[in-house]
Structures are given as C-alpha cells and as structure tokens.
Protein backbone atom coordinates (compact mmCIF):
# COMPACT_ATOMS: atom_id res chain seq x y z
CA MET A 1 -81.13 -40.97 -33.65
CA LYS A 2 -80.92 -40.70 -37.43
CA ALA A 3 -83.54 -40.68 -40.24
CA VAL A 4 -83.81 -44.23 -41.65
CA THR A 5 -83.75 -42.62 -45.10
CA ASP A 6 -80.35 -41.01 -44.24
CA LEU A 7 -79.03 -44.30 -43.01
CA TRP A 8 -80.19 -45.86 -46.19
CA SER A 9 -78.34 -43.25 -48.29
CA TYR A 10 -75.19 -43.73 -46.16
CA GLN A 11 -75.21 -47.45 -46.88
CA GLU A 12 -75.46 -46.52 -50.63
CA ILE A 13 -72.62 -44.10 -50.44
CA ILE A 14 -70.43 -46.59 -48.72
CA SER A 15 -71.46 -49.30 -51.17
CA GLN A 16 -70.57 -47.00 -54.24
CA LEU A 17 -67.58 -44.98 -52.85
CA ALA A 18 -66.01 -48.04 -50.99
CA PRO A 19 -64.24 -45.61 -48.51
CA SER A 20 -61.06 -46.72 -46.91
CA ILE A 21 -61.82 -44.26 -44.14
CA ILE A 22 -65.12 -43.08 -42.56
CA VAL A 23 -64.75 -40.11 -40.20
CA GLU A 24 -67.63 -39.38 -37.79
CA PHE A 25 -67.71 -36.07 -35.86
CA GLY A 26 -69.94 -36.71 -32.78
CA THR A 27 -70.16 -40.26 -31.48
CA TYR A 28 -72.62 -40.20 -28.43
CA ILE A 29 -73.09 -43.79 -27.72
CA GLY A 30 -71.58 -45.01 -30.78
CA GLY A 31 -74.44 -46.70 -32.60
CA SER A 32 -73.67 -44.99 -36.13
CA ALA A 33 -69.98 -45.79 -35.79
CA LEU A 34 -70.92 -49.39 -35.39
CA TYR A 35 -73.32 -49.14 -38.35
CA PHE A 36 -70.62 -47.48 -40.56
CA ALA A 37 -67.96 -50.08 -39.62
CA THR A 38 -70.37 -53.04 -40.19
CA ILE A 39 -71.34 -51.99 -43.71
CA ALA A 40 -67.92 -50.48 -44.78
CA THR A 41 -65.86 -53.64 -43.84
CA ASN A 42 -68.26 -55.73 -45.83
CA VAL A 43 -67.64 -53.50 -48.80
CA ASN A 44 -63.91 -52.90 -48.17
CA ALA A 45 -62.19 -55.33 -45.66
CA ARG A 46 -59.52 -52.63 -44.95
CA ALA A 47 -62.02 -49.89 -44.26
CA ARG A 48 -61.59 -48.06 -40.87
CA VAL A 49 -63.95 -45.81 -39.02
CA LEU A 50 -62.44 -42.90 -36.94
CA THR A 51 -65.09 -41.43 -34.52
CA VAL A 52 -64.43 -38.23 -32.60
CA ASP A 53 -66.16 -36.99 -29.63
CA HIS A 54 -65.17 -34.90 -26.50
CA LYS A 55 -67.16 -37.42 -24.25
CA THR A 56 -66.12 -41.01 -24.80
CA ALA A 57 -67.01 -42.55 -21.54
CA ARG A 58 -70.68 -43.00 -22.69
CA ILE A 59 -69.72 -44.94 -25.84
CA HIS A 60 -70.93 -48.57 -25.79
CA GLU A 61 -68.37 -51.28 -25.03
CA SER A 62 -69.11 -53.11 -28.31
CA VAL A 63 -68.08 -50.05 -30.16
CA LYS A 64 -64.89 -49.70 -28.10
CA ARG A 65 -64.04 -53.41 -28.97
CA HIS A 66 -64.68 -53.29 -32.71
CA PRO A 67 -61.48 -53.80 -34.66
CA ALA A 68 -62.38 -51.33 -37.44
CA ILE A 69 -63.20 -48.41 -35.18
CA GLU A 70 -60.79 -45.98 -33.67
CA ILE A 71 -62.16 -43.59 -30.99
CA LEU A 72 -60.55 -40.23 -30.37
CA GLU A 73 -61.51 -38.17 -27.36
CA PHE A 74 -60.99 -34.59 -28.66
CA CYS A 75 -63.18 -31.61 -29.76
CA THR A 76 -63.76 -32.38 -33.39
CA THR A 77 -61.99 -29.13 -34.47
CA ASP A 78 -58.72 -29.83 -32.59
CA PRO A 79 -55.79 -29.98 -34.95
CA ALA A 80 -54.96 -33.42 -33.66
CA VAL A 81 -58.02 -34.74 -35.44
CA GLY A 82 -56.89 -33.41 -38.73
CA SER A 83 -53.50 -34.89 -38.13
CA ARG A 84 -54.90 -38.32 -37.31
CA ILE A 85 -57.00 -38.27 -40.45
CA SER A 86 -53.92 -37.36 -42.61
CA LYS A 87 -51.99 -40.25 -41.07
CA MET A 88 -54.89 -42.55 -41.63
CA ARG A 89 -55.02 -41.68 -45.24
CA LEU A 90 -51.31 -42.46 -45.61
CA GLU A 91 -51.75 -45.76 -44.00
CA ASN A 92 -54.93 -46.65 -45.68
CA PRO A 93 -55.15 -44.92 -49.16
CA GLY A 94 -58.50 -44.55 -50.72
CA PRO A 95 -61.67 -42.49 -50.61
CA LEU A 96 -62.90 -40.78 -47.44
CA PHE A 97 -66.51 -40.37 -46.27
CA ALA A 98 -67.16 -37.83 -43.25
CA ILE A 99 -70.19 -37.22 -41.37
CA LEU A 100 -70.51 -34.06 -39.28
CA ASP A 101 -72.89 -34.59 -36.33
CA SER A 102 -71.35 -33.01 -33.21
CA ASP A 103 -71.75 -29.45 -31.95
CA HIS A 104 -74.40 -27.92 -34.31
CA ARG A 105 -73.54 -24.21 -33.80
CA LYS A 106 -72.81 -22.54 -37.14
CA SER A 107 -69.18 -21.50 -36.03
CA HIS A 108 -68.34 -25.03 -34.92
CA VAL A 109 -69.67 -26.55 -38.11
CA VAL A 110 -67.69 -24.04 -40.20
CA ALA A 111 -64.59 -24.88 -38.33
CA GLU A 112 -65.19 -28.55 -38.94
CA LEU A 113 -65.59 -28.06 -42.61
CA LYS A 114 -62.54 -25.91 -42.74
CA SER A 115 -60.51 -28.58 -40.89
CA LEU A 116 -61.69 -31.19 -43.50
CA ARG A 117 -60.63 -28.97 -46.32
CA PHE A 118 -56.97 -29.97 -45.83
CA VAL A 119 -57.60 -33.73 -45.45
CA THR A 120 -60.31 -34.36 -48.30
CA SER A 121 -59.68 -35.05 -51.94
CA ARG A 122 -61.57 -34.89 -55.16
CA GLY A 123 -64.48 -37.38 -54.92
CA ASP A 124 -64.51 -37.61 -51.18
CA TYR A 125 -68.03 -37.41 -49.57
CA VAL A 126 -69.03 -35.26 -46.72
CA VAL A 127 -72.51 -35.19 -45.03
CA VAL A 128 -73.36 -32.24 -42.83
CA GLU A 129 -76.23 -33.50 -40.68
CA ASP A 130 -79.09 -31.62 -39.13
CA THR A 131 -79.16 -28.86 -41.65
CA ASN A 132 -82.84 -29.16 -41.00
CA MET A 133 -82.53 -27.23 -37.80
CA ASN A 134 -83.26 -23.47 -37.44
CA GLY A 135 -86.43 -23.53 -39.26
CA HIS A 136 -85.27 -25.67 -42.30
CA PRO A 137 -87.98 -26.88 -41.20
CA ILE A 138 -87.64 -27.75 -37.61
CA ILE A 139 -86.48 -26.39 -34.40
CA THR A 140 -87.21 -22.73 -35.46
CA ASP A 141 -85.63 -21.04 -32.58
CA PHE A 142 -82.28 -22.85 -32.53
CA GLY A 143 -80.19 -20.06 -34.19
CA ASP A 144 -77.65 -20.22 -36.90
CA GLY A 145 -76.79 -23.95 -37.20
CA PRO A 146 -75.54 -26.44 -39.80
CA MET A 147 -77.59 -25.05 -42.75
CA GLU A 148 -76.18 -21.48 -42.20
CA ALA A 149 -72.63 -23.12 -41.74
CA VAL A 150 -72.80 -24.90 -45.08
CA ALA A 151 -73.81 -21.47 -46.64
CA ALA A 152 -71.17 -19.53 -44.89
CA TYR A 153 -68.51 -22.19 -45.99
CA GLU A 154 -69.62 -22.10 -49.52
CA SER A 155 -69.51 -18.38 -49.72
CA GLU A 156 -65.76 -18.44 -48.68
CA PHE A 157 -64.93 -21.60 -50.62
CA PRO A 158 -67.43 -21.82 -53.62
CA TYR A 159 -65.73 -24.46 -55.37
CA ASP A 160 -64.80 -27.11 -52.79
CA TYR A 161 -67.97 -29.14 -53.06
CA ARG A 162 -70.94 -29.81 -55.32
CA HIS A 163 -74.28 -30.84 -53.72
CA ASP A 164 -75.67 -34.34 -54.30
CA LYS A 165 -79.32 -33.24 -54.83
CA GLY A 166 -80.25 -36.64 -56.17
CA ARG A 167 -79.21 -38.33 -53.01
CA GLU A 168 -80.61 -35.70 -50.88
CA THR A 169 -84.09 -35.79 -52.31
CA LYS A 170 -84.36 -39.43 -53.24
CA PHE A 171 -86.58 -40.52 -50.35
CA GLY A 172 -88.34 -37.18 -49.79
CA LEU A 173 -86.90 -36.91 -46.27
CA THR A 174 -83.55 -36.10 -44.92
CA PHE A 175 -82.15 -34.53 -41.77
CA ALA A 176 -79.36 -33.09 -43.98
CA PRO A 177 -81.01 -30.81 -46.68
CA ARG A 178 -78.22 -29.25 -48.66
CA GLY A 179 -75.83 -31.27 -46.55
CA TYR A 180 -74.78 -33.98 -49.06
CA LEU A 181 -71.52 -32.78 -50.39
CA ILE A 182 -68.98 -34.21 -52.87
CA ARG A 183 -65.47 -32.79 -52.91
CA GLN A 184 -64.56 -31.26 -56.26
C-alpha cells in the first residue's frame, strides 16, 4: 500500500543512514515493518524496528515472530511510545529513521511530530507519508491532513528539520511530497 518509488527511497535511506532503530507509526498488517526489518538487519545486524498501532490483532504472524520487530499496541501519540523509543535509543545507540503513516488528520500528525521532537537527534530521518492528500494532488475533500501538519509543525519549530528535496523528487512520484525530513 505504498508507492514503489517511496519503498526504493526507504531502502536507500536505510542503506546510507544504517539506523539502529526504525520507528513506524501505523502498522496495519505489518508488510512495511517486515520490509524495514529485512533491509535494516542486512545493513546493521543490530537494527530493530518498533511498529506502533492501536489495533495489533490484524498484524500477520510472520511480523509478530520476526526477532528484529517489536510491536506496541498504543495510539502513536501516547507518551508510552516516546518512552519506549528513548529506552531503545539507550539500548541500541545510533541513528533513528521514523515513518509516520497512521491517523492522517492534521492534529494527529502534528502530535506525532511533536512526540518525536524529544527522541530524535541531529541527522535522524523522518518521513511523513501521504502528504499528497487533501488536494496535493489526491483526495481533494479529505480536509487538513499530513501536508498541513508538516506546515503547522514547521511554523512552530522552523529549525527542527530540513527537507530532503533530492530524495523527494528523485523518481518523479512520491506519496510524501514535502514529507522527507532530516533532523537538524
């Protein structure tokens, strides 16, 4: 359920960043968590994936059994999630790569970005998915969503991230326009 061009970019990010932790907000069935874990552990054997969703019953068994994947059943903005990320960073130091793909309402995505503010460091990578919604250019009647959330966050914290325009425009198609962010 992701653009193949974004998946290609993700594997490039993982290969270049060699994150020790990948955080995924929004698991659904778990295909992307499995994808992240497979690539990340080939780049960094100690890499771990933390995937967070409020409904974990639908996650495929192969994802639940993968030794590099940890599943948390919480709302992605619950303070317990940030606490777990902080603890994982102490246990497994190194870069972090976060992918936001859960509740797409503006207020929720802003809250997710704010929660990551306290657990990300310079050079960490965050992708806000589905910024193409609400007429950017698809689903014109969605209402304020991820694109508007990125803009709102940046107006409050203008120096937290820089946009990776090269990655975003590399293939000519992304579901995350203005959503490829590098922590400054």
